[in-house]
Amino acid sequence: MSSVFKMAIENGACKNVPVYEYHRRGRNWMAKIALDPKAPGGLKREFFPNAHGDYFYLIPEGSLKPGDPVEFGADYYTGSGRKCSKRWYGVVVSVSDGEVEILRAETARQACELAGEYRNTAPDRVIVTRHPAAVEFIRSAVPEFADAPVLQVAGEEDVRGKVVAGNLPLHLAALAQEIWAVEFTGEPPRGQEYSLEDMKRAGAVLRRYKVQALQCRG
């Protein structure tokens, strides 16, 4: 059964990877991939820059989106020059400002095939908010909402079975597949219409929820 790797993102770089070679004769990389008969080994790679310190690779904003197939490589060369290779393949299924979820694949071809299937079956997404700054914040933080329609007011059929970014009353949230709620770690902006900078100063974050309606007794 396929597993999901959760890659933590901080300061525009990843803090953990599924494979890595720490030896000085090691060679490591992370790349977006595509099947290409003209590329070496039949695989085209778009490499991510190496990071330093406690980080592994730089992940520029917007450089990963759901449906992207990726490869992690970790090679070790013995003193005699023999190469020992480790490869980890997967397809990105979720991107937020603090985490990327990657569904594991056994091979590069399977990762690319899963990517195509994911793009064809990705759930409908919608943004529900009255605030233009919130729309800008959601789309910049979570690239899969870049083309999502925006509703100021939503009804049951607007959210049923969909992935919703914004804030909904519980009876509507229970109809959605999941909710990406806009929350604040500081004092939320109030009063007149706020800006994206106001949201950032107030510690705006997106948190994912699944809401289930339960039957009351009596």
N, C-alpha and C. Protein backbone atom coordinates (compact mmCIF):
# COMPACT_ATOMS: atom_id res chain seq x y z
N MET A 1 0.84 -1.20 0.00
CA MET A 1 0.00 0.00 0.00
C MET A 1 0.88 1.24 0.00
N SER A 2 0.55 2.21 -0.85
CA SER A 2 1.35 3.42 -0.95
C SER A 2 1.27 4.23 0.33
N SER A 3 2.38 4.89 0.66
CA SER A 3 2.43 5.72 1.85
C SER A 3 2.62 7.17 1.45
N VAL A 4 2.30 8.06 2.37
CA VAL A 4 2.44 9.49 2.12
C VAL A 4 3.58 10.03 2.97
N PHE A 5 4.52 10.71 2.33
CA PHE A 5 5.62 11.36 3.02
C PHE A 5 5.27 12.82 3.23
N LYS A 6 5.41 13.30 4.46
CA LYS A 6 5.11 14.69 4.79
C LYS A 6 6.42 15.46 4.92
N MET A 7 6.65 16.36 3.98
CA MET A 7 7.89 17.14 3.93
C MET A 7 7.63 18.52 4.53
N ALA A 8 8.27 18.78 5.66
CA ALA A 8 8.08 20.05 6.35
C ALA A 8 8.81 21.17 5.62
N ILE A 9 8.14 22.33 5.46
CA ILE A 9 8.72 23.49 4.78
C ILE A 9 8.86 24.64 5.78
N GLU A 10 10.04 25.23 5.80
CA GLU A 10 10.31 26.36 6.70
C GLU A 10 11.28 27.31 6.01
N ASN A 11 10.96 28.60 6.04
CA ASN A 11 11.84 29.60 5.43
C ASN A 11 12.16 29.29 3.96
N GLY A 12 11.18 28.72 3.25
CA GLY A 12 11.38 28.44 1.84
C GLY A 12 12.28 27.26 1.54
N ALA A 13 12.45 26.37 2.51
CA ALA A 13 13.29 25.19 2.31
C ALA A 13 12.69 24.01 3.06
N CYS A 14 13.05 22.78 2.62
CA CYS A 14 12.52 21.59 3.29
C CYS A 14 13.44 21.16 4.42
N LYS A 15 12.83 20.65 5.49
CA LYS A 15 13.56 20.26 6.69
C LYS A 15 13.76 18.75 6.80
N ASN A 16 13.11 17.97 5.96
CA ASN A 16 13.26 16.52 5.99
C ASN A 16 13.07 15.96 4.59
N VAL A 17 13.73 14.86 4.30
CA VAL A 17 13.64 14.20 3.00
C VAL A 17 13.58 12.69 3.20
N PRO A 18 13.02 11.94 2.24
CA PRO A 18 12.88 10.49 2.43
C PRO A 18 14.18 9.72 2.30
N VAL A 19 15.14 10.20 1.49
CA VAL A 19 16.45 9.55 1.37
C VAL A 19 17.53 10.62 1.29
N TYR A 20 18.69 10.32 1.90
CA TYR A 20 19.81 11.28 1.86
C TYR A 20 21.09 10.53 2.21
N GLU A 21 22.18 10.88 1.56
CA GLU A 21 23.48 10.30 1.84
C GLU A 21 24.38 11.37 2.45
N TYR A 22 24.78 11.14 3.71
CA TYR A 22 25.55 12.15 4.44
C TYR A 22 27.06 12.02 4.25
N HIS A 23 27.52 10.93 3.68
CA HIS A 23 28.96 10.73 3.51
C HIS A 23 29.53 11.79 2.55
N ARG A 24 30.78 12.15 2.75
CA ARG A 24 31.40 13.19 1.91
C ARG A 24 31.49 12.76 0.44
N ARG A 25 31.43 11.43 0.19
CA ARG A 25 31.41 10.98 -1.19
C ARG A 25 29.98 10.78 -1.71
N GLY A 26 29.03 11.33 -0.97
CA GLY A 26 27.65 11.21 -1.38
C GLY A 26 27.24 12.30 -2.36
N ARG A 27 26.19 12.01 -3.11
CA ARG A 27 25.60 12.99 -4.03
C ARG A 27 24.10 12.91 -3.88
N ASN A 28 23.46 14.07 -3.63
CA ASN A 28 22.03 14.10 -3.35
C ASN A 28 21.33 15.11 -4.24
N TRP A 29 20.04 14.85 -4.49
CA TRP A 29 19.24 15.81 -5.25
C TRP A 29 17.75 15.56 -5.04
N MET A 30 17.00 16.60 -5.35
CA MET A 30 15.54 16.53 -5.45
C MET A 30 15.18 17.17 -6.77
N ALA A 31 14.26 16.55 -7.52
CA ALA A 31 13.91 17.07 -8.83
C ALA A 31 12.46 16.77 -9.17
N LYS A 32 11.84 17.67 -9.92
CA LYS A 32 10.59 17.35 -10.60
C LYS A 32 10.96 16.57 -11.85
N ILE A 33 10.15 15.58 -12.20
CA ILE A 33 10.54 14.69 -13.29
C ILE A 33 9.43 14.60 -14.34
N ALA A 34 9.83 14.14 -15.53
CA ALA A 34 8.88 13.87 -16.61
C ALA A 34 9.52 12.84 -17.53
N LEU A 35 8.72 11.93 -18.06
CA LEU A 35 9.23 10.95 -19.01
C LEU A 35 9.60 11.65 -20.31
N ASP A 36 10.84 11.44 -20.77
CA ASP A 36 11.32 12.11 -21.97
C ASP A 36 12.36 11.23 -22.65
N PRO A 37 12.03 10.62 -23.79
CA PRO A 37 12.97 9.73 -24.47
C PRO A 37 14.29 10.39 -24.86
N LYS A 38 14.31 11.73 -24.96
CA LYS A 38 15.53 12.42 -25.38
C LYS A 38 16.44 12.76 -24.20
N ALA A 39 15.96 12.58 -22.97
CA ALA A 39 16.75 12.91 -21.78
C ALA A 39 17.55 11.67 -21.33
N PRO A 40 18.65 11.88 -20.59
CA PRO A 40 19.44 10.75 -20.10
C PRO A 40 18.57 9.79 -19.28
N GLY A 41 18.62 8.51 -19.64
CA GLY A 41 17.82 7.52 -18.94
C GLY A 41 16.34 7.63 -19.22
N GLY A 42 15.95 8.48 -20.17
CA GLY A 42 14.54 8.66 -20.50
C GLY A 42 13.77 9.46 -19.49
N LEU A 43 14.50 10.22 -18.64
CA LEU A 43 13.83 10.97 -17.57
C LEU A 43 14.37 12.40 -17.52
N LYS A 44 13.49 13.35 -17.76
CA LYS A 44 13.85 14.77 -17.66
C LYS A 44 13.73 15.21 -16.22
N ARG A 45 14.74 15.95 -15.74
CA ARG A 45 14.76 16.39 -14.34
C ARG A 45 14.87 17.91 -14.25
N GLU A 46 14.09 18.48 -13.34
CA GLU A 46 14.18 19.91 -13.01
C GLU A 46 14.61 19.99 -11.55
N PHE A 47 15.90 20.24 -11.33
CA PHE A 47 16.48 20.12 -9.99
C PHE A 47 16.14 21.32 -9.10
N PHE A 48 15.97 21.02 -7.81
CA PHE A 48 15.80 22.07 -6.81
C PHE A 48 17.17 22.42 -6.24
N PRO A 49 17.43 23.72 -5.94
CA PRO A 49 18.74 24.11 -5.41
C PRO A 49 18.99 23.51 -4.03
N ASN A 50 20.24 23.21 -3.75
CA ASN A 50 20.62 22.73 -2.42
C ASN A 50 20.50 23.85 -1.40
N ALA A 51 20.09 23.48 -0.19
CA ALA A 51 20.06 24.43 0.93
C ALA A 51 21.21 24.11 1.88
N HIS A 52 21.32 24.87 2.96
CA HIS A 52 22.43 24.70 3.89
C HIS A 52 21.91 24.67 5.33
N GLY A 53 22.80 24.34 6.25
CA GLY A 53 22.43 24.29 7.65
C GLY A 53 21.50 23.13 7.94
N ASP A 54 20.38 23.42 8.59
CA ASP A 54 19.42 22.39 8.96
C ASP A 54 18.45 22.04 7.83
N TYR A 55 18.68 22.58 6.64
CA TYR A 55 17.75 22.39 5.54
C TYR A 55 18.40 21.58 4.42
N PHE A 56 17.57 20.99 3.56
CA PHE A 56 18.06 20.12 2.49
C PHE A 56 18.00 20.79 1.11
N TYR A 57 16.80 21.22 0.69
CA TYR A 57 16.64 21.82 -0.63
C TYR A 57 15.77 23.07 -0.52
N LEU A 58 16.08 24.05 -1.35
CA LEU A 58 15.24 25.25 -1.42
C LEU A 58 13.99 24.93 -2.23
N ILE A 59 12.83 25.35 -1.71
CA ILE A 59 11.55 25.13 -2.37
C ILE A 59 10.90 26.49 -2.62
N PRO A 60 11.23 27.14 -3.73
CA PRO A 60 10.65 28.47 -3.99
C PRO A 60 9.13 28.42 -4.01
N GLU A 61 8.51 29.50 -3.56
CA GLU A 61 7.05 29.57 -3.53
C GLU A 61 6.47 29.32 -4.93
N GLY A 62 5.51 28.42 -4.99
CA GLY A 62 4.87 28.10 -6.26
C GLY A 62 5.60 27.08 -7.11
N SER A 63 6.75 26.58 -6.64
CA SER A 63 7.54 25.64 -7.46
C SER A 63 7.01 24.22 -7.40
N LEU A 64 6.18 23.91 -6.41
CA LEU A 64 5.54 22.60 -6.31
C LEU A 64 4.03 22.78 -6.26
N LYS A 65 3.32 21.92 -6.96
CA LYS A 65 1.87 21.95 -6.91
C LYS A 65 1.34 20.53 -6.97
N PRO A 66 0.12 20.29 -6.52
CA PRO A 66 -0.44 18.94 -6.58
C PRO A 66 -0.41 18.39 -8.00
N GLY A 67 0.00 17.13 -8.12
CA GLY A 67 0.12 16.50 -9.42
C GLY A 67 1.52 16.50 -9.97
N ASP A 68 2.48 17.16 -9.29
CA ASP A 68 3.87 17.16 -9.74
C ASP A 68 4.55 15.85 -9.34
N PRO A 69 5.13 15.09 -10.31
CA PRO A 69 5.93 13.92 -9.94
C PRO A 69 7.34 14.35 -9.55
N VAL A 70 7.89 13.72 -8.51
CA VAL A 70 9.21 14.14 -8.00
C VAL A 70 10.10 12.92 -7.76
N GLU A 71 11.40 13.20 -7.74
CA GLU A 71 12.41 12.19 -7.45
C GLU A 71 13.37 12.72 -6.40
N PHE A 72 13.70 11.88 -5.43
CA PHE A 72 14.79 12.16 -4.49
C PHE A 72 15.89 11.14 -4.77
N GLY A 73 17.10 11.64 -4.93
CA GLY A 73 18.23 10.76 -5.20
C GLY A 73 19.29 10.87 -4.13
N ALA A 74 19.93 9.73 -3.80
CA ALA A 74 21.02 9.71 -2.83
C ALA A 74 22.01 8.64 -3.27
N ASP A 75 23.14 9.06 -3.81
CA ASP A 75 24.17 8.14 -4.28
C ASP A 75 25.38 8.17 -3.36
N TYR A 76 25.97 6.98 -3.16
CA TYR A 76 27.22 6.88 -2.39
C TYR A 76 28.26 6.20 -3.27
N TYR A 77 29.47 6.77 -3.30
CA TYR A 77 30.56 6.21 -4.08
C TYR A 77 31.62 5.64 -3.14
N THR A 78 31.93 4.36 -3.30
CA THR A 78 32.93 3.73 -2.47
C THR A 78 34.32 4.24 -2.85
N GLY A 79 35.33 3.88 -2.05
CA GLY A 79 36.69 4.31 -2.34
C GLY A 79 37.18 3.82 -3.69
N SER A 80 36.62 2.70 -4.16
CA SER A 80 37.02 2.16 -5.46
C SER A 80 36.19 2.73 -6.60
N GLY A 81 35.21 3.62 -6.26
CA GLY A 81 34.41 4.26 -7.29
C GLY A 81 33.10 3.57 -7.61
N ARG A 82 32.75 2.50 -6.87
CA ARG A 82 31.48 1.82 -7.11
C ARG A 82 30.34 2.65 -6.55
N LYS A 83 29.28 2.78 -7.34
CA LYS A 83 28.15 3.61 -6.93
C LYS A 83 27.06 2.77 -6.29
N CYS A 84 26.58 3.23 -5.12
CA CYS A 84 25.42 2.63 -4.45
C CYS A 84 24.29 3.67 -4.49
N SER A 85 23.20 3.31 -5.15
CA SER A 85 22.14 4.29 -5.42
C SER A 85 20.90 4.05 -4.59
N LYS A 86 20.29 5.14 -4.15
CA LYS A 86 18.96 5.12 -3.53
C LYS A 86 18.08 6.10 -4.28
N ARG A 87 16.85 5.67 -4.60
CA ARG A 87 15.91 6.55 -5.29
C ARG A 87 14.56 6.48 -4.56
N TRP A 88 13.88 7.61 -4.51
CA TRP A 88 12.54 7.66 -3.91
C TRP A 88 11.69 8.52 -4.83
N TYR A 89 10.57 7.94 -5.30
CA TYR A 89 9.69 8.63 -6.24
C TYR A 89 8.32 8.86 -5.62
N GLY A 90 7.65 9.89 -6.09
CA GLY A 90 6.31 10.15 -5.59
C GLY A 90 5.62 11.23 -6.40
N VAL A 91 4.37 11.50 -6.04
CA VAL A 91 3.60 12.57 -6.68
C VAL A 91 3.04 13.47 -5.58
N VAL A 92 3.19 14.76 -5.77
CA VAL A 92 2.70 15.73 -4.79
C VAL A 92 1.17 15.71 -4.78
N VAL A 93 0.59 15.57 -3.58
CA VAL A 93 -0.87 15.54 -3.47
C VAL A 93 -1.41 16.73 -2.69
N SER A 94 -0.55 17.44 -1.96
CA SER A 94 -1.02 18.59 -1.19
C SER A 94 0.15 19.53 -0.91
N VAL A 95 -0.10 20.83 -1.03
CA VAL A 95 0.92 21.85 -0.76
C VAL A 95 0.31 22.93 0.12
N SER A 96 0.96 23.23 1.23
CA SER A 96 0.57 24.35 2.07
C SER A 96 1.82 25.15 2.40
N ASP A 97 1.66 26.24 3.16
CA ASP A 97 2.83 27.06 3.45
C ASP A 97 3.80 26.39 4.40
N GLY A 98 3.41 25.31 5.08
CA GLY A 98 4.31 24.64 6.02
C GLY A 98 4.57 23.19 5.74
N GLU A 99 3.94 22.62 4.69
CA GLU A 99 4.09 21.18 4.47
C GLU A 99 3.72 20.80 3.05
N VAL A 100 4.45 19.82 2.52
CA VAL A 100 4.12 19.21 1.22
C VAL A 100 3.90 17.72 1.46
N GLU A 101 2.76 17.20 1.02
CA GLU A 101 2.47 15.78 1.14
C GLU A 101 2.73 15.10 -0.20
N ILE A 102 3.51 14.00 -0.16
CA ILE A 102 3.91 13.32 -1.39
C ILE A 102 3.54 11.84 -1.28
N LEU A 103 2.73 11.37 -2.22
CA LEU A 103 2.33 9.97 -2.27
C LEU A 103 3.45 9.17 -2.94
N ARG A 104 3.93 8.13 -2.25
CA ARG A 104 5.07 7.37 -2.76
C ARG A 104 4.70 6.51 -3.96
N ALA A 105 5.66 6.40 -4.91
CA ALA A 105 5.53 5.51 -6.07
C ALA A 105 6.77 4.61 -6.11
N GLU A 106 6.63 3.46 -6.73
CA GLU A 106 7.74 2.51 -6.77
C GLU A 106 8.78 2.89 -7.81
N THR A 107 8.38 3.50 -8.90
CA THR A 107 9.29 3.84 -9.99
C THR A 107 8.98 5.24 -10.51
N ALA A 108 9.90 5.76 -11.33
CA ALA A 108 9.68 7.06 -11.95
C ALA A 108 8.47 7.01 -12.88
N ARG A 109 8.32 5.93 -13.64
CA ARG A 109 7.17 5.82 -14.54
C ARG A 109 5.87 5.81 -13.76
N GLN A 110 5.83 5.07 -12.65
CA GLN A 110 4.61 5.03 -11.85
C GLN A 110 4.29 6.41 -11.29
N ALA A 111 5.33 7.15 -10.86
CA ALA A 111 5.10 8.50 -10.33
C ALA A 111 4.48 9.39 -11.40
N CYS A 112 4.98 9.30 -12.63
CA CYS A 112 4.45 10.14 -13.71
C CYS A 112 3.03 9.72 -14.07
N GLU A 113 2.75 8.41 -14.04
CA GLU A 113 1.40 7.93 -14.34
C GLU A 113 0.42 8.34 -13.25
N LEU A 114 0.87 8.23 -11.97
CA LEU A 114 0.02 8.66 -10.87
C LEU A 114 -0.27 10.16 -10.95
N ALA A 115 0.73 10.91 -11.40
CA ALA A 115 0.55 12.36 -11.53
C ALA A 115 -0.58 12.67 -12.50
N GLY A 116 -0.61 11.97 -13.64
CA GLY A 116 -1.67 12.18 -14.61
C GLY A 116 -3.02 11.80 -14.06
N GLU A 117 -3.08 10.68 -13.32
CA GLU A 117 -4.34 10.26 -12.73
C GLU A 117 -4.81 11.26 -11.69
N TYR A 118 -3.87 11.78 -10.90
CA TYR A 118 -4.25 12.72 -9.85
C TYR A 118 -4.83 14.00 -10.46
N ARG A 119 -4.21 14.49 -11.51
CA ARG A 119 -4.69 15.72 -12.14
C ARG A 119 -6.09 15.54 -12.70
N ASN A 120 -6.38 14.32 -13.16
CA ASN A 120 -7.70 14.05 -13.73
C ASN A 120 -8.79 13.86 -12.69
N THR A 121 -8.36 13.49 -11.47
CA THR A 121 -9.35 13.18 -10.42
C THR A 121 -9.27 14.14 -9.23
N ALA A 122 -8.48 15.21 -9.34
CA ALA A 122 -8.35 16.15 -8.23
C ALA A 122 -9.71 16.73 -7.87
N PRO A 123 -10.01 16.85 -6.57
CA PRO A 123 -11.32 17.34 -6.15
C PRO A 123 -11.53 18.81 -6.53
N ASP A 124 -12.80 19.16 -6.73
CA ASP A 124 -13.14 20.55 -6.99
C ASP A 124 -12.78 21.40 -5.78
N ARG A 125 -12.32 22.61 -6.04
CA ARG A 125 -11.92 23.51 -4.96
C ARG A 125 -12.67 24.83 -5.12
N VAL A 126 -12.94 25.45 -4.00
CA VAL A 126 -13.64 26.73 -4.02
C VAL A 126 -13.16 27.56 -2.83
N ILE A 127 -13.10 28.87 -3.01
CA ILE A 127 -12.74 29.80 -1.94
C ILE A 127 -14.01 30.53 -1.51
N VAL A 128 -14.26 30.57 -0.21
CA VAL A 128 -15.44 31.26 0.31
C VAL A 128 -14.97 32.34 1.28
N THR A 129 -15.05 33.59 0.86
CA THR A 129 -14.68 34.72 1.72
C THR A 129 -15.19 36.01 1.09
N ARG A 130 -15.41 37.02 1.92
CA ARG A 130 -15.80 38.34 1.45
C ARG A 130 -14.58 39.25 1.28
N HIS A 131 -13.40 38.80 1.68
CA HIS A 131 -12.24 39.67 1.78
C HIS A 131 -11.24 39.40 0.65
N PRO A 132 -10.96 40.38 -0.21
CA PRO A 132 -9.96 40.19 -1.28
C PRO A 132 -8.59 39.80 -0.75
N ALA A 133 -8.20 40.35 0.41
CA ALA A 133 -6.89 40.01 0.97
C ALA A 133 -6.82 38.53 1.34
N ALA A 134 -7.94 37.97 1.82
CA ALA A 134 -7.96 36.55 2.18
C ALA A 134 -7.81 35.69 0.93
N VAL A 135 -8.43 36.11 -0.17
CA VAL A 135 -8.28 35.38 -1.44
C VAL A 135 -6.81 35.38 -1.85
N GLU A 136 -6.16 36.53 -1.77
CA GLU A 136 -4.75 36.64 -2.15
C GLU A 136 -3.89 35.77 -1.24
N PHE A 137 -4.19 35.78 0.06
CA PHE A 137 -3.42 34.98 1.01
C PHE A 137 -3.57 33.50 0.72
N ILE A 138 -4.80 33.04 0.51
CA ILE A 138 -5.06 31.62 0.25
C ILE A 138 -4.34 31.16 -1.01
N ARG A 139 -4.46 31.95 -2.08
CA ARG A 139 -3.86 31.54 -3.35
C ARG A 139 -2.34 31.55 -3.31
N SER A 140 -1.75 32.45 -2.54
CA SER A 140 -0.29 32.49 -2.44
C SER A 140 0.24 31.37 -1.54
N ALA A 141 -0.55 31.00 -0.52
CA ALA A 141 -0.10 29.97 0.43
C ALA A 141 -0.34 28.56 -0.09
N VAL A 142 -1.41 28.37 -0.88
CA VAL A 142 -1.78 27.03 -1.35
C VAL A 142 -2.01 27.09 -2.86
N PRO A 143 -1.01 26.73 -3.65
CA PRO A 143 -1.11 26.90 -5.10
C PRO A 143 -2.28 26.19 -5.76
N GLU A 144 -2.79 25.09 -5.16
CA GLU A 144 -3.90 24.39 -5.82
C GLU A 144 -5.19 25.20 -5.83
N PHE A 145 -5.25 26.30 -5.08
CA PHE A 145 -6.42 27.17 -5.11
C PHE A 145 -6.24 28.35 -6.09
N ALA A 146 -5.16 28.33 -6.87
CA ALA A 146 -4.86 29.47 -7.74
C ALA A 146 -5.99 29.77 -8.72
N ASP A 147 -6.64 28.72 -9.22
CA ASP A 147 -7.70 28.92 -10.20
C ASP A 147 -9.09 28.63 -9.63
N ALA A 148 -9.19 28.46 -8.31
CA ALA A 148 -10.47 28.13 -7.70
C ALA A 148 -11.42 29.33 -7.76
N PRO A 149 -12.71 29.09 -8.03
CA PRO A 149 -13.68 30.20 -8.02
C PRO A 149 -13.84 30.75 -6.61
N VAL A 150 -14.26 32.01 -6.53
CA VAL A 150 -14.44 32.69 -5.25
C VAL A 150 -15.91 33.02 -5.05
N LEU A 151 -16.45 32.63 -3.89
CA LEU A 151 -17.83 32.94 -3.53
C LEU A 151 -17.83 33.77 -2.26
N GLN A 152 -18.61 34.84 -2.24
CA GLN A 152 -18.75 35.61 -1.00
C GLN A 152 -19.71 34.93 -0.05
N VAL A 153 -20.72 34.27 -0.58
CA VAL A 153 -21.69 33.53 0.21
C VAL A 153 -21.87 32.16 -0.45
N ALA A 154 -21.85 31.09 0.35
CA ALA A 154 -21.96 29.74 -0.19
C ALA A 154 -23.19 29.03 0.36
N GLY A 155 -23.78 28.21 -0.48
CA GLY A 155 -24.89 27.35 -0.06
C GLY A 155 -24.44 25.90 -0.03
N GLU A 156 -25.37 25.01 0.25
CA GLU A 156 -25.03 23.59 0.41
C GLU A 156 -24.41 23.01 -0.85
N GLU A 157 -25.00 23.28 -2.01
CA GLU A 157 -24.49 22.68 -3.24
C GLU A 157 -23.19 23.33 -3.70
N ASP A 158 -22.88 24.51 -3.18
CA ASP A 158 -21.62 25.17 -3.53
C ASP A 158 -20.42 24.46 -2.90
N VAL A 159 -20.63 23.80 -1.77
CA VAL A 159 -19.51 23.22 -1.02
C VAL A 159 -19.57 21.71 -0.90
N ARG A 160 -20.69 21.10 -1.26
CA ARG A 160 -20.85 19.66 -1.05
C ARG A 160 -19.77 18.86 -1.80
N GLY A 161 -19.00 18.06 -1.05
CA GLY A 161 -17.97 17.21 -1.62
C GLY A 161 -16.73 17.93 -2.12
N LYS A 162 -16.61 19.23 -1.85
CA LYS A 162 -15.49 20.01 -2.36
C LYS A 162 -14.46 20.31 -1.27
N VAL A 163 -13.28 20.71 -1.70
CA VAL A 163 -12.26 21.22 -0.79
C VAL A 163 -12.43 22.73 -0.74
N VAL A 164 -12.72 23.25 0.44
CA VAL A 164 -13.08 24.66 0.59
C VAL A 164 -12.01 25.40 1.39
N ALA A 165 -11.58 26.54 0.89
CA ALA A 165 -10.69 27.42 1.64
C ALA A 165 -11.49 28.63 2.08
N GLY A 166 -11.41 28.95 3.36
CA GLY A 166 -12.18 30.05 3.92
C GLY A 166 -12.81 29.59 5.22
N ASN A 167 -13.88 30.26 5.62
CA ASN A 167 -14.54 29.92 6.88
C ASN A 167 -16.03 29.69 6.62
N LEU A 168 -16.51 28.56 7.11
CA LEU A 168 -17.89 28.16 6.90
C LEU A 168 -18.57 27.85 8.23
N PRO A 169 -19.89 28.06 8.34
CA PRO A 169 -20.62 27.55 9.49
C PRO A 169 -20.54 26.02 9.50
N LEU A 170 -20.66 25.44 10.68
CA LEU A 170 -20.41 24.00 10.82
C LEU A 170 -21.33 23.15 9.95
N HIS A 171 -22.60 23.56 9.78
CA HIS A 171 -23.51 22.71 9.00
C HIS A 171 -23.10 22.63 7.54
N LEU A 172 -22.43 23.68 7.02
CA LEU A 172 -21.90 23.64 5.67
C LEU A 172 -20.54 22.95 5.62
N ALA A 173 -19.72 23.19 6.64
CA ALA A 173 -18.39 22.55 6.69
C ALA A 173 -18.52 21.03 6.70
N ALA A 174 -19.59 20.52 7.31
CA ALA A 174 -19.78 19.07 7.36
C ALA A 174 -20.09 18.48 5.99
N LEU A 175 -20.52 19.30 5.04
CA LEU A 175 -20.82 18.82 3.69
C LEU A 175 -19.59 18.81 2.79
N ALA A 176 -18.57 19.59 3.16
CA ALA A 176 -17.36 19.69 2.35
C ALA A 176 -16.46 18.48 2.58
N GLN A 177 -15.61 18.21 1.59
CA GLN A 177 -14.64 17.13 1.76
C GLN A 177 -13.62 17.50 2.83
N GLU A 178 -13.16 18.73 2.80
CA GLU A 178 -12.31 19.25 3.87
C GLU A 178 -12.31 20.77 3.79
N ILE A 179 -11.89 21.40 4.89
CA ILE A 179 -11.87 22.87 5.01
C ILE A 179 -10.45 23.33 5.29
N TRP A 180 -10.01 24.34 4.55
CA TRP A 180 -8.77 25.04 4.87
C TRP A 180 -9.18 26.38 5.48
N ALA A 181 -9.21 26.44 6.79
CA ALA A 181 -9.73 27.61 7.49
C ALA A 181 -8.64 28.66 7.68
N VAL A 182 -9.02 29.93 7.49
CA VAL A 182 -8.11 31.04 7.75
C VAL A 182 -8.17 31.37 9.23
N GLU A 183 -7.03 31.24 9.92
CA GLU A 183 -6.97 31.53 11.34
C GLU A 183 -5.79 32.46 11.63
N PHE A 184 -5.77 33.02 12.84
CA PHE A 184 -4.73 33.98 13.20
C PHE A 184 -4.09 33.57 14.53
N THR A 185 -2.76 33.61 14.56
CA THR A 185 -2.05 33.31 15.80
C THR A 185 -1.97 34.52 16.71
N GLY A 186 -2.24 35.71 16.16
CA GLY A 186 -2.28 36.94 16.94
C GLY A 186 -3.69 37.52 16.93
N GLU A 187 -3.79 38.80 17.28
CA GLU A 187 -5.09 39.48 17.28
C GLU A 187 -5.56 39.66 15.84
N PRO A 188 -6.70 39.08 15.46
CA PRO A 188 -7.14 39.19 14.06
C PRO A 188 -7.52 40.62 13.70
N PRO A 189 -7.28 41.01 12.45
CA PRO A 189 -7.65 42.37 12.02
C PRO A 189 -9.17 42.53 12.02
N ARG A 190 -9.64 43.67 12.48
CA ARG A 190 -11.08 43.92 12.57
C ARG A 190 -11.39 45.32 12.02
N GLY A 191 -12.67 45.61 11.90
CA GLY A 191 -13.08 46.94 11.46
C GLY A 191 -13.07 47.05 9.96
N GLN A 192 -12.36 48.04 9.43
CA GLN A 192 -12.35 48.29 8.00
C GLN A 192 -11.65 47.15 7.27
N GLU A 193 -11.83 47.10 5.95
CA GLU A 193 -11.24 46.04 5.13
C GLU A 193 -9.73 45.97 5.35
N TYR A 194 -9.24 44.78 5.62
CA TYR A 194 -7.82 44.61 5.91
C TYR A 194 -7.06 44.19 4.66
N SER A 195 -5.73 44.36 4.73
CA SER A 195 -4.85 44.04 3.60
C SER A 195 -4.11 42.73 3.86
N LEU A 196 -3.40 42.26 2.85
CA LEU A 196 -2.58 41.07 3.01
C LEU A 196 -1.51 41.29 4.07
N GLU A 197 -0.93 42.47 4.11
CA GLU A 197 0.08 42.76 5.12
C GLU A 197 -0.53 42.75 6.52
N ASP A 198 -1.77 43.25 6.65
CA ASP A 198 -2.46 43.19 7.94
C ASP A 198 -2.61 41.74 8.39
N MET A 199 -2.95 40.87 7.45
CA MET A 199 -3.12 39.46 7.78
C MET A 199 -1.81 38.84 8.23
N LYS A 200 -0.73 39.16 7.53
CA LYS A 200 0.57 38.60 7.89
C LYS A 200 1.01 39.07 9.26
N ARG A 201 0.78 40.36 9.55
CA ARG A 201 1.16 40.89 10.86
C ARG A 201 0.37 40.24 11.98
N ALA A 202 -0.86 39.82 11.68
CA ALA A 202 -1.71 39.17 12.67
C ALA A 202 -1.45 37.66 12.75
N GLY A 203 -0.45 37.17 12.01
CA GLY A 203 -0.10 35.76 12.07
C GLY A 203 -1.09 34.86 11.36
N ALA A 204 -1.54 35.25 10.17
CA ALA A 204 -2.51 34.45 9.43
C ALA A 204 -1.91 33.10 9.05
N VAL A 205 -2.69 32.04 9.23
CA VAL A 205 -2.30 30.68 8.85
C VAL A 205 -3.53 29.98 8.25
N LEU A 206 -3.28 28.91 7.51
CA LEU A 206 -4.35 28.03 7.04
C LEU A 206 -4.24 26.70 7.77
N ARG A 207 -5.36 26.25 8.32
CA ARG A 207 -5.39 24.95 9.00
C ARG A 207 -6.48 24.09 8.39
N ARG A 208 -6.15 22.81 8.16
CA ARG A 208 -7.07 21.90 7.50
C ARG A 208 -7.93 21.16 8.52
N TYR A 209 -9.23 21.04 8.18
CA TYR A 209 -10.17 20.33 9.05
C TYR A 209 -11.08 19.43 8.23
N LYS A 210 -11.52 18.36 8.85
CA LYS A 210 -12.62 17.55 8.34
C LYS A 210 -13.72 17.61 9.40
N VAL A 211 -14.92 18.02 9.02
CA VAL A 211 -16.02 18.22 9.95
C VAL A 211 -17.08 17.15 9.71
N GLN A 212 -17.51 16.49 10.77
CA GLN A 212 -18.53 15.45 10.66
C GLN A 212 -19.74 15.82 11.48
N ALA A 213 -20.93 15.74 10.89
CA ALA A 213 -22.16 15.99 11.61
C ALA A 213 -22.57 14.73 12.37
N LEU A 214 -22.88 14.86 13.64
CA LEU A 214 -23.29 13.74 14.48
C LEU A 214 -24.75 13.88 14.88
N GLN A 215 -25.41 12.76 15.04
CA GLN A 215 -26.81 12.76 15.43
C GLN A 215 -26.94 12.97 16.93
N CYS A 216 -27.74 13.95 17.34
CA CYS A 216 -27.97 14.19 18.77
C CYS A 216 -29.00 13.19 19.31
N ARG A 217 -28.87 12.85 20.55
CA ARG A 217 -29.86 11.97 21.19
C ARG A 217 -31.08 12.76 21.61
N GLY A 218 -32.21 12.10 21.61
CA GLY A 218 -33.44 12.72 22.08
C GLY A 218 -34.22 13.39 20.97
